[in-house]
């Protein structure tokens, strides 16, 4: 089976019919199997449960297989409709597309076939060296991909998925991880950078950010609690160590999530064990890999894209009067949260009309927007920036 070629989904589903992977599997075992494979951390080292042995698969291909297997488990446990597995997932992404600018918009008019689902999964994962630095992809896959699994579960149970549900789910991740990192006694530049990365990675921006307490109240299911705990542990361990004070913070989080002490300890210990045992296979979540390298490499990439598309981008900017006003204000003062959201939304609309800037429409592409705004003032009339020094 080759997940990089067409037909891989039908082949995988055919093999699952002959040799089911999720028989006698409860939700706890399902989640722990995904975590052991690296899927929860965004670093897929093997196919979940070692059930399917495909030597030579790349990490990106393993991620695709694990993603489909996870969706398959959720479908088998929750489906009560007539729609088949493939059609059900496509219906889910159509529903999501109705609530947000989506990278799937140009393909969702096709027939609901396995071929279409392959395109959706490819676009959803997009771990590609020639697009964005790999460390960025690890982070985004980890921060956002499992939320699709959680949202799909909710969709199957109600046959709808509200914008508010998705916003709250991602906002809860943002609020809780930020709270844990902000509560550290000695917060490093890495912690500050990671907080900014989490904030910028959210796909479905809400006008109201959940408070820490509101986020905790929204997290209800065991899967959500396990995931939040593992995300927080991973973020805290980013400096390759969880000291006593950090462990205390994570234990408090676990208690607030009403997790058993054994589960809390397991989450804290497993992240270190996982990365230490697999350090030869994966890029460690360190400040060099996920923050410094991301910003330095992405800055060069964004600069090149802005330069190559300067004339078209300048024209689009001038035609968006509100965006021009906000960008001009940004040269002399910090924008409010509401103004920043308007800038982000309108920039993404502009990027839709410029094919070579489609990278910003990918899941997590909003991470690059602060870099875009950094370079855009060069396209504005000098009257907008009294402090500009001509080069």
Protein backbone atom coordinates (compact mmCIF):
# COMPACT_ATOMS: atom_id res chain seq x y z
CA UNK A 1 0.00 0.00 0.00
CA UNK A 2 1.25 3.45 -0.94
CA UNK A 3 -0.55 6.34 0.86
CA UNK A 4 1.10 8.77 -1.55
CA UNK A 5 -0.66 7.25 -4.58
CA UNK A 6 -4.34 7.11 -5.46
CA UNK A 7 -6.35 4.10 -4.31
CA UNK A 8 -4.74 3.70 -0.89
CA UNK A 9 -7.93 4.28 1.11
CA UNK A 10 -9.88 1.53 -0.66
CA UNK A 11 -6.95 -0.85 -0.18
CA UNK A 12 -6.67 0.00 3.52
CA UNK A 13 -10.42 -0.39 4.07
CA UNK A 14 -10.36 -3.71 2.22
CA UNK A 15 -7.62 -4.96 4.53
CA UNK A 16 -9.56 -3.75 7.58
CA UNK A 17 -12.53 -5.85 6.48
CA UNK A 18 -10.33 -8.95 6.38
CA UNK A 19 -8.45 -8.09 9.56
CA UNK A 20 -10.29 -5.57 11.79
CA UNK A 21 -8.05 -3.47 13.99
CA UNK A 22 -10.49 -2.17 16.61
CA UNK A 23 -12.25 -5.35 17.79
CA UNK A 24 -12.77 -5.31 21.60
CA UNK A 25 -11.13 -1.87 21.84
CA UNK A 26 -12.50 0.71 24.27
CA UNK A 27 -11.85 4.47 24.14
CA UNK A 28 -8.97 4.33 26.62
CA UNK A 29 -7.13 1.68 24.63
CA UNK A 30 -7.89 3.54 21.39
CA UNK A 31 -6.39 6.79 22.70
CA UNK A 32 -3.34 5.14 24.27
CA UNK A 33 -2.66 3.29 21.01
CA UNK A 34 -2.69 6.58 19.09
CA UNK A 35 -0.37 8.17 21.63
CA UNK A 36 2.05 5.22 21.52
CA UNK A 37 2.21 5.52 17.72
CA UNK A 38 3.14 9.20 18.09
CA UNK A 39 -0.06 10.48 16.49
CA UNK A 40 -1.08 12.54 19.53
CA UNK A 41 2.34 14.22 19.61
CA UNK A 42 2.38 14.83 15.87
CA UNK A 43 5.42 12.57 15.39
CA UNK A 44 4.15 9.33 13.86
CA UNK A 45 6.77 6.63 14.34
CA UNK A 46 4.64 3.59 13.46
CA UNK A 47 1.18 2.49 12.32
CA UNK A 48 -1.17 2.39 15.30
CA UNK A 49 -1.17 -0.89 17.26
CA UNK A 50 1.45 -2.31 14.87
CA UNK A 51 -1.52 -3.94 13.20
CA UNK A 52 -0.53 -3.02 9.67
CA UNK A 53 3.10 -3.55 8.76
CA UNK A 54 4.20 -1.48 5.78
CA UNK A 55 8.00 -1.21 5.69
CA UNK A 56 9.41 1.93 4.12
CA UNK A 57 6.51 4.28 4.80
CA UNK A 58 7.49 7.89 5.45
CA UNK A 59 6.30 9.65 8.57
CA UNK A 60 3.81 11.62 6.46
CA UNK A 61 2.38 8.38 5.04
CA UNK A 62 2.14 6.81 8.49
CA UNK A 63 0.31 9.92 9.67
CA UNK A 64 -2.25 9.52 6.87
CA UNK A 65 -2.83 5.86 7.77
CA UNK A 66 -3.14 6.62 11.50
CA UNK A 67 -5.51 9.49 10.80
CA UNK A 68 -7.81 7.27 8.74
CA UNK A 69 -7.65 4.45 11.29
CA UNK A 70 -8.59 6.88 14.07
CA UNK A 71 -11.54 8.18 12.06
CA UNK A 72 -12.54 4.57 11.38
CA UNK A 73 -12.67 3.74 15.10
CA UNK A 74 -14.83 6.80 15.82
CA UNK A 75 -17.14 5.85 12.93
CA UNK A 76 -17.54 2.25 14.11
CA UNK A 77 -18.30 3.38 17.66
CA UNK A 78 -20.73 6.20 16.89
CA UNK A 79 -22.33 5.85 13.46
CA UNK A 80 -26.10 5.42 13.46
CA UNK A 81 -26.82 6.76 9.98
CA UNK A 82 -27.10 5.10 6.58
CA UNK A 83 -24.06 6.93 5.20
CA UNK A 84 -20.99 4.76 4.70
CA UNK A 85 -17.61 5.49 6.27
CA UNK A 86 -16.13 7.47 3.37
CA UNK A 87 -19.28 9.49 2.75
CA UNK A 88 -19.62 10.22 6.46
CA UNK A 89 -16.17 11.79 6.73
CA UNK A 90 -16.74 13.86 3.59
CA UNK A 91 -20.07 15.07 5.03
CA UNK A 92 -18.20 16.08 8.18
CA UNK A 93 -15.71 18.22 6.25
CA UNK A 94 -18.49 19.74 4.17
CA UNK A 95 -20.16 20.78 7.43
CA UNK A 96 -16.93 22.30 8.72
CA UNK A 97 -16.39 24.09 5.42
CA UNK A 98 -19.73 25.86 5.91
CA UNK A 99 -18.35 27.63 8.96
CA UNK A 100 -14.89 28.69 7.95
CA UNK A 101 -12.64 29.55 5.05
CA UNK A 102 -11.36 26.13 4.08
CA UNK A 103 -8.57 24.66 2.02
CA UNK A 104 -11.09 22.05 0.83
CA UNK A 105 -13.41 24.50 -0.94
CA UNK A 106 -12.14 23.78 -4.45
CA UNK A 107 -12.62 20.00 -4.17
CA UNK A 108 -15.76 19.57 -2.09
CA UNK A 109 -17.99 19.79 -5.16
CA UNK A 110 -16.73 16.41 -6.36
CA UNK A 111 -18.55 13.11 -5.87
CA UNK A 112 -18.24 11.59 -2.40
CA UNK A 113 -15.73 8.90 -3.24
CA UNK A 114 -12.60 7.48 -1.65
CA UNK A 115 -10.62 9.45 -4.23
CA UNK A 116 -12.09 12.70 -2.89
CA UNK A 117 -11.35 11.64 0.69
CA UNK A 118 -7.72 11.00 -0.27
CA UNK A 119 -7.49 14.58 -1.52
CA UNK A 120 -9.05 15.92 1.67
CA UNK A 121 -6.67 13.98 3.92
CA UNK A 122 -3.68 15.01 1.82
CA UNK A 123 -4.67 18.67 2.08
CA UNK A 124 -5.53 18.34 5.76
CA UNK A 125 -2.16 16.93 6.76
CA UNK A 126 0.18 18.68 4.30
CA UNK A 127 3.48 17.70 5.89
CA UNK A 128 5.69 18.80 3.05
CA UNK A 129 9.29 20.00 3.24
CA UNK A 130 8.94 22.39 0.33
CA UNK A 131 6.04 24.26 1.97
CA UNK A 132 6.95 24.95 5.57
CA UNK A 133 9.74 23.89 7.91
CA UNK A 134 9.09 20.39 9.28
CA UNK A 135 9.05 21.52 12.92
CA UNK A 136 6.08 23.75 12.10
CA UNK A 137 4.22 20.80 10.65
CA UNK A 138 4.92 18.63 13.68
CA UNK A 139 3.46 21.28 15.94
CA UNK A 140 0.37 21.99 13.84
CA UNK A 141 -0.36 18.30 13.29
CA UNK A 142 -0.16 17.72 17.03
CA UNK A 143 -2.09 20.84 18.00
CA UNK A 144 -4.92 20.49 15.50
CA UNK A 145 -5.20 17.06 13.89
CA UNK A 146 -6.65 15.20 16.87
CA UNK A 147 -9.26 17.95 17.23
CA UNK A 148 -10.66 16.66 13.93
CA UNK A 149 -11.14 13.26 15.58
CA UNK A 150 -12.92 14.83 18.55
CA UNK A 151 -15.10 17.02 16.30
CA UNK A 152 -15.95 14.03 14.05
CA UNK A 153 -17.13 12.12 17.12
CA UNK A 154 -19.45 15.00 18.05
CA UNK A 155 -20.64 15.21 14.43
CA UNK A 156 -21.59 11.53 14.31
CA UNK A 157 -23.54 11.81 17.53
CA UNK A 158 -25.64 14.77 16.33
CA UNK A 159 -25.12 14.82 12.53
CA UNK A 160 -24.07 18.44 12.83
CA UNK A 161 -21.09 20.32 14.15
CA UNK A 162 -21.55 23.91 15.25
CA UNK A 163 -19.01 26.65 14.72
CA UNK A 164 -19.16 27.38 18.44
CA UNK A 165 -18.22 23.78 19.29
CA UNK A 166 -15.08 23.84 17.16
CA UNK A 167 -14.14 27.33 18.35
CA UNK A 168 -14.51 26.31 21.97
CA UNK A 169 -12.54 23.11 21.51
CA UNK A 170 -9.54 24.88 20.00
CA UNK A 171 -9.87 27.88 22.31
CA UNK A 172 -9.80 25.50 25.27
CA UNK A 173 -6.50 24.05 24.06
CA UNK A 174 -5.10 27.56 23.62
CA UNK A 175 -6.26 28.79 27.03
CA UNK A 176 -5.15 25.77 29.04
CA UNK A 177 -1.70 25.42 27.44
CA UNK A 178 -1.12 29.17 27.77
CA UNK A 179 -2.20 29.12 31.41
CA UNK A 180 0.18 26.27 32.25
CA UNK A 181 3.13 27.95 30.51
CA UNK A 182 2.31 31.40 31.93
CA UNK A 183 2.14 29.92 35.44
CA UNK A 184 5.74 28.69 35.37
CA UNK A 185 7.99 30.33 37.98
CA UNK A 186 10.70 31.00 35.43
CA UNK A 187 9.26 31.56 31.99
CA UNK A 188 11.79 31.44 29.16
CA UNK A 189 11.68 33.02 25.72
CA UNK A 190 10.88 29.55 24.45
CA UNK A 191 7.73 29.49 26.60
CA UNK A 192 6.66 32.92 25.32
CA UNK A 193 7.27 31.85 21.73
CA UNK A 194 5.36 28.60 22.21
CA UNK A 195 2.40 30.50 23.67
CA UNK A 196 2.36 32.73 20.59
CA UNK A 197 2.54 29.68 18.32
CA UNK A 198 -0.45 28.11 20.09
CA UNK A 199 -2.46 31.32 19.84
CA UNK A 200 -1.72 31.73 16.13
CA UNK A 201 -2.40 28.09 15.24
CA UNK A 202 -6.12 28.23 16.02
CA UNK A 203 -8.19 27.81 12.84
CA UNK A 204 -11.59 28.94 14.04
CA UNK A 205 -11.02 32.26 15.81
CA UNK A 206 -13.79 33.24 18.20
CA UNK A 207 -14.57 36.81 19.12
CA UNK A 208 -14.43 35.71 22.75
CA UNK A 209 -11.43 33.83 24.06
CA UNK A 210 -12.30 31.31 26.74
CA UNK A 211 -10.92 31.96 30.18
CA UNK A 212 -8.96 29.18 31.85
CA UNK A 213 -11.98 28.23 33.97
CA UNK A 214 -14.35 28.32 30.99
CA UNK A 215 -11.95 26.13 29.04
CA UNK A 216 -11.84 23.57 31.85
CA UNK A 217 -15.64 23.51 32.03
CA UNK A 218 -15.90 22.89 28.28
CA UNK A 219 -13.62 19.82 28.40
CA UNK A 220 -16.02 17.02 29.33
CA UNK A 221 -15.18 13.71 27.64
CA UNK A 222 -12.33 11.43 28.64
CA UNK A 223 -10.71 11.74 25.20
CA UNK A 224 -10.70 15.53 25.48
CA UNK A 225 -9.23 15.40 28.98
CA UNK A 226 -6.50 12.92 27.99
CA UNK A 227 -5.60 15.05 24.97
CA UNK A 228 -5.46 18.33 26.91
CA UNK A 229 -3.28 16.68 29.56
CA UNK A 230 -0.87 15.29 26.97
CA UNK A 231 -0.71 18.59 25.05
CA UNK A 232 0.11 20.46 28.26
CA UNK A 233 2.74 17.88 29.22
CA UNK A 234 4.33 18.09 25.78
CA UNK A 235 4.41 21.90 25.87
CA UNK A 236 5.93 21.91 29.34
CA UNK A 237 8.52 19.31 28.37
CA UNK A 238 9.59 21.40 25.36
CA UNK A 239 12.83 22.37 27.10
CA UNK A 240 13.56 18.61 27.44
CA UNK A 241 12.82 18.61 31.16
CA UNK A 242 9.86 18.79 33.52
CA UNK A 243 11.11 20.12 36.85
CA UNK A 244 9.35 19.88 40.21
CA UNK A 245 7.42 23.14 39.88
CA UNK A 246 6.29 22.28 36.34
CA UNK A 247 5.17 18.85 37.47
CA UNK A 248 3.17 20.50 40.23
CA UNK A 249 1.41 22.70 37.64
CA UNK A 250 0.54 19.68 35.51
CA UNK A 251 -0.78 17.77 38.54
CA UNK A 252 -3.03 20.74 39.36
CA UNK A 253 -4.31 20.75 35.78
CA UNK A 254 -5.00 17.02 35.95
CA UNK A 255 -6.89 17.43 39.19
CA UNK A 256 -9.01 20.24 37.69
CA UNK A 257 -9.81 17.91 34.80
CA UNK A 258 -10.88 15.31 37.38
CA UNK A 259 -8.35 12.78 36.09
CA UNK A 260 -7.13 9.96 38.27
CA UNK A 261 -3.64 10.43 39.69
CA UNK A 262 -2.39 7.39 37.78
CA UNK A 263 -3.51 8.97 34.49
CA UNK A 264 -1.85 12.29 35.38
CA UNK A 265 1.46 10.64 36.26
CA UNK A 266 1.30 8.53 33.13
CA UNK A 267 0.84 11.60 30.93
CA UNK A 268 3.81 13.38 32.50
CA UNK A 269 6.08 10.34 32.31
CA UNK A 270 5.03 9.11 28.87
CA UNK A 271 6.12 12.25 26.99
CA UNK A 272 9.70 11.90 28.25
CA UNK A 273 9.78 8.16 27.60
CA UNK A 274 8.37 8.59 24.10
CA UNK A 275 10.90 11.18 22.95
CA UNK A 276 13.87 9.52 24.65
CA UNK A 277 13.04 6.13 23.13
CA UNK A 278 12.48 7.56 19.66
CA UNK A 279 14.99 10.41 19.48
CA UNK A 280 16.67 8.80 16.49
CA UNK A 281 13.41 8.77 14.52
CA UNK A 282 11.88 12.17 15.26
CA UNK A 283 12.79 15.81 15.65
CA UNK A 284 12.64 16.64 19.33
CA UNK A 285 10.25 19.31 20.46
CA UNK A 286 12.87 21.85 21.48
CA UNK A 287 13.24 25.59 21.20
CA UNK A 288 15.68 25.12 18.33
CA UNK A 289 13.33 22.89 16.37
CA UNK A 290 9.95 24.43 16.97
CA UNK A 291 10.56 28.11 17.63
CA UNK A 292 13.89 29.43 16.41
CA UNK A 293 14.09 27.34 13.27
CA UNK A 294 10.44 27.94 12.47
CA UNK A 295 10.67 31.70 12.68
CA UNK A 296 14.01 32.02 10.89
CA UNK A 297 13.08 29.71 8.00
CA UNK A 298 9.53 31.01 7.71
CA UNK A 299 10.71 34.62 7.71
CA UNK A 300 12.85 33.96 4.65
CA UNK A 301 10.00 32.12 2.94
CA UNK A 302 7.44 34.86 3.64
CA UNK A 303 9.85 37.56 2.48
CA UNK A 304 10.31 35.74 -0.81
CA UNK A 305 6.56 35.25 -1.31
CA UNK A 306 5.79 38.90 -0.55
CA UNK A 307 8.53 40.05 -2.90
CA UNK A 308 7.37 37.83 -5.77
CA UNK A 309 3.74 38.89 -5.38
CA UNK A 310 4.28 42.51 -4.37
CA UNK A 311 2.45 44.15 -7.29
CA UNK A 312 -0.62 41.91 -7.09
CA UNK A 313 -0.66 42.10 -3.29
CA UNK A 314 -0.34 45.87 -3.33
CA UNK A 315 -3.29 46.14 -5.71
CA UNK A 316 -5.44 43.84 -3.54
CA UNK A 317 -4.52 45.80 -0.41
CA UNK A 318 -5.46 49.13 -1.92
CA UNK A 319 -8.86 47.72 -2.91
CA UNK A 320 -9.54 46.75 0.72
CA UNK A 321 -10.04 50.11 2.41
CA UNK A 322 -10.69 48.81 5.94
CA UNK A 323 -7.61 46.60 5.82
CA UNK A 324 -5.49 49.53 4.63
CA UNK A 325 -6.67 51.65 7.54
CA UNK A 326 -5.89 48.91 10.06
CA UNK A 327 -2.47 48.21 8.57
CA UNK A 328 -1.65 51.90 8.65
CA UNK A 329 -2.63 52.01 12.34
CA UNK A 330 -0.40 49.01 13.01
CA UNK A 331 2.66 51.06 11.99
CA UNK A 332 2.18 53.45 14.93
CA UNK A 333 0.39 51.38 17.61
CA UNK A 334 -0.55 47.83 18.58
CA UNK A 335 -3.89 46.69 17.21
CA UNK A 336 -6.64 45.50 19.53
CA UNK A 337 -7.64 41.83 19.54
CA UNK A 338 -10.71 42.61 17.43
CA UNK A 339 -8.64 44.61 14.94
CA UNK A 340 -6.08 41.82 14.68
CA UNK A 341 -8.83 39.31 13.90
CA UNK A 342 -10.16 41.60 11.16
CA UNK A 343 -6.68 41.91 9.65
CA UNK A 344 -6.22 38.15 9.74
CA UNK A 345 -9.60 37.43 8.17
CA UNK A 346 -9.21 40.02 5.39
CA UNK A 347 -5.64 38.97 4.60
CA UNK A 348 -6.76 35.36 4.22
CA UNK A 349 -9.48 36.52 1.83
CA UNK A 350 -6.83 38.31 -0.23
CA UNK A 351 -4.55 35.27 -0.23
CA UNK A 352 -7.37 33.19 -1.73
CA UNK A 353 -7.12 35.31 -4.88
CA UNK A 354 -3.35 34.86 -5.24
CA UNK A 355 -2.54 31.19 -5.98
CA UNK A 356 1.11 31.31 -4.95
CA UNK A 357 0.06 32.50 -1.48
CA UNK A 358 -2.25 29.52 -0.96
CA UNK A 359 0.13 28.24 1.74
CA UNK A 360 -1.49 30.67 4.16
CA UNK A 361 -4.82 28.90 3.68
CA UNK A 362 -3.46 25.61 5.03
CA UNK A 363 -4.46 24.50 8.54
CA UNK A 364 -2.21 26.51 10.85
CA UNK A 365 -1.24 28.89 8.08
CA UNK A 366 -2.32 31.73 10.36
CA UNK A 367 0.97 31.13 12.19
CA UNK A 368 2.67 32.92 9.33
CA UNK A 369 0.43 35.99 9.37
CA UNK A 370 2.49 37.96 11.92
CA UNK A 371 5.44 37.52 9.57
CA UNK A 372 3.34 38.69 6.63
CA UNK A 373 2.31 41.83 8.49
CA UNK A 374 5.96 42.45 9.29
CA UNK A 375 6.77 42.70 5.57
CA UNK A 376 3.58 44.36 4.32
CA UNK A 377 4.44 47.89 5.58
CA UNK A 378 7.04 48.00 2.82
CA UNK A 379 4.13 47.94 0.37
CA UNK A 380 2.25 50.80 2.02
CA UNK A 381 2.66 54.48 1.04
CA UNK A 382 5.35 56.16 3.13
CA UNK A 383 2.75 58.57 4.54
CA UNK A 384 1.41 55.69 6.62
CA UNK A 385 4.69 55.28 8.47
CA UNK A 386 6.28 58.39 9.88
CA UNK A 387 9.17 56.41 11.30
CA UNK A 388 10.18 54.55 8.18
CA UNK A 389 13.83 54.82 7.24
CA UNK A 390 14.29 54.53 3.52
CA UNK A 391 16.78 51.83 2.54
